[in-house]
Amino acid sequence: MATLGTLIYTWTKGKLVGTDTAGNRYFTERSAAKGRRTKRWVLFSGKAEASKIPPEWHAWLHYTSDKPLTDATRQSWQKPHEANRTGSPEAYLPPGHDLAGGVRERATGDYEAWRP
């Protein structure tokens, strides 16, 4: 959730540029800045987590592109963006990991140790 200061700044000076599939809203300043770049920022839907920003909006936020790259530029072979799940209950745990029970299948016996 955004801080009160960010919400007030957004309400007074922000102009909505667009939203992404996760519901994050992207803003820029209403009036052009003098002597500096126009500020760009995001209001996250839910907890603020930078990995929830898709690449097309990341490029716009970091001034790599002048306009946000919309879904029209997305190729059919590209997967939809997913936030990083490391450290969350949905994180991947390989077989044998302590948090996944600590037990894995027995080795098949096709391994042969190297001997000098």
Protein backbone atom coordinates (compact mmCIF):
# COMPACT_ATOMS: atom_id res chain seq x y z
CA MET A 1 0.00 0.00 0.00
CA ALA A 2 1.25 3.47 -0.85
CA THR A 3 2.13 5.95 1.86
CA LEU A 4 -0.12 8.89 2.57
CA GLY A 5 2.44 11.28 1.08
CA THR A 6 2.59 9.32 -2.18
CA LEU A 7 -1.20 9.23 -2.41
CA ILE A 8 -1.47 13.00 -1.86
CA TYR A 9 1.31 13.68 -4.40
CA THR A 10 -0.41 11.40 -6.92
CA TRP A 11 -3.77 13.08 -6.36
CA THR A 12 -2.38 16.61 -6.73
CA LYS A 13 0.31 16.21 -9.41
CA GLY A 14 -0.16 12.80 -11.02
CA LYS A 15 -1.63 11.82 -14.37
CA LEU A 16 -2.60 8.19 -14.91
CA VAL A 17 -0.71 6.66 -17.85
CA GLY A 18 -2.07 3.14 -17.60
CA THR A 19 -2.47 -0.07 -15.65
CA ASP A 20 -1.05 -3.56 -16.05
CA THR A 21 -2.65 -6.98 -15.74
CA ALA A 22 -1.82 -7.17 -12.01
CA GLY A 23 -3.74 -3.93 -11.32
CA ASN A 24 -0.67 -1.74 -10.71
CA ARG A 25 -1.28 1.87 -11.81
CA TYR A 26 1.44 3.97 -13.48
CA PHE A 27 1.64 7.75 -13.24
CA THR A 28 3.60 10.70 -14.56
CA GLU A 29 3.56 14.37 -13.63
CA ARG A 30 0.77 16.44 -15.20
CA SER A 31 2.98 19.39 -16.09
CA ALA A 32 6.33 19.19 -17.84
CA ALA A 33 9.33 19.53 -15.54
CA LYS A 34 11.82 22.36 -16.10
CA GLY A 35 15.46 21.33 -16.18
CA ARG A 36 14.82 17.68 -15.30
CA ARG A 37 13.01 14.58 -16.49
CA THR A 38 9.33 14.23 -15.73
CA LYS A 39 8.80 11.92 -12.74
CA ARG A 40 7.27 8.49 -13.29
CA TRP A 41 6.00 6.20 -10.55
CA VAL A 42 3.80 3.22 -9.81
CA LEU A 43 1.09 2.58 -7.22
CA PHE A 44 1.06 -1.15 -6.52
CA SER A 45 -2.11 -3.13 -6.07
CA GLY A 46 -1.52 -4.75 -2.72
CA LYS A 47 1.94 -5.09 -1.21
CA ALA A 48 4.71 -3.08 -2.88
CA GLU A 49 6.92 -5.62 -4.63
CA ALA A 50 9.20 -4.51 -7.47
CA SER A 51 9.19 -7.92 -9.15
CA LYS A 52 5.44 -7.50 -9.81
CA ILE A 53 6.25 -4.91 -12.51
CA PRO A 54 6.13 -6.46 -16.01
CA PRO A 55 9.04 -5.73 -18.40
CA GLU A 56 7.04 -3.42 -20.66
CA TRP A 57 6.25 -1.11 -17.75
CA HIS A 58 9.73 -1.49 -16.23
CA ALA A 59 11.21 -0.08 -19.45
CA TRP A 60 8.88 2.92 -19.26
CA LEU A 61 9.53 3.56 -15.53
CA HIS A 62 13.30 3.61 -16.13
CA TYR A 63 13.08 5.92 -19.18
CA THR A 64 14.19 3.18 -21.59
CA SER A 65 11.10 3.84 -23.71
CA ASP A 66 9.07 7.03 -24.09
CA LYS A 67 5.76 5.19 -24.22
CA PRO A 68 4.78 2.09 -22.28
CA LEU A 69 5.14 -1.04 -24.38
CA THR A 70 1.61 -2.40 -24.61
CA ASP A 71 0.42 -5.97 -25.09
CA ALA A 72 0.28 -5.26 -28.85
CA THR A 73 4.08 -5.62 -28.93
CA ARG A 74 3.96 -8.91 -27.03
CA GLN A 75 4.84 -11.97 -29.12
CA SER A 76 2.76 -15.16 -29.07
CA TRP A 77 5.72 -17.17 -27.74
CA GLN A 78 6.26 -14.90 -24.71
CA LYS A 79 4.96 -16.10 -21.37
CA PRO A 80 2.89 -13.78 -19.17
CA HIS A 81 4.82 -11.98 -16.43
CA GLU A 82 4.93 -13.55 -12.96
CA ALA A 83 6.27 -11.96 -9.80
CA ASN A 84 9.29 -13.53 -8.07
CA ARG A 85 8.03 -16.02 -5.47
CA THR A 86 11.31 -16.55 -3.64
CA GLY A 87 10.80 -16.36 0.12
CA SER A 88 7.03 -16.79 -0.11
CA PRO A 89 4.92 -19.86 0.62
CA GLU A 90 4.64 -20.43 -3.17
CA ALA A 91 8.44 -20.63 -3.64
CA TYR A 92 9.88 -23.63 -5.49
CA LEU A 93 11.41 -26.23 -3.20
CA PRO A 94 13.34 -29.05 -4.91
CA PRO A 95 12.90 -32.65 -3.80
CA GLY A 96 14.83 -33.29 -0.60
CA HIS A 97 14.69 -29.69 0.62
CA ASP A 98 14.27 -29.44 4.40
CA LEU A 99 11.12 -27.33 4.08
CA ALA A 100 9.63 -29.84 1.62
CA GLY A 101 9.98 -32.73 4.06
CA GLY A 102 13.68 -33.43 3.65
CA VAL A 103 13.14 -36.78 1.93
CA ARG A 104 13.93 -37.54 -1.69
CA GLU A 105 13.87 -40.62 -3.85
CA ARG A 106 16.77 -43.01 -3.58
CA ALA A 107 19.44 -42.76 -6.27
CA THR A 108 18.92 -45.14 -9.18
CA GLY A 109 22.41 -46.61 -9.07
CA ASP A 110 23.47 -45.33 -12.47
CA TYR A 111 26.06 -43.07 -10.82
CA GLU A 112 29.63 -44.29 -10.84
CA ALA A 113 32.12 -42.45 -8.62
CA TRP A 114 35.36 -41.30 -10.20
CA ARG A 115 38.48 -43.05 -8.96
CA PRO A 116 41.94 -41.66 -9.68
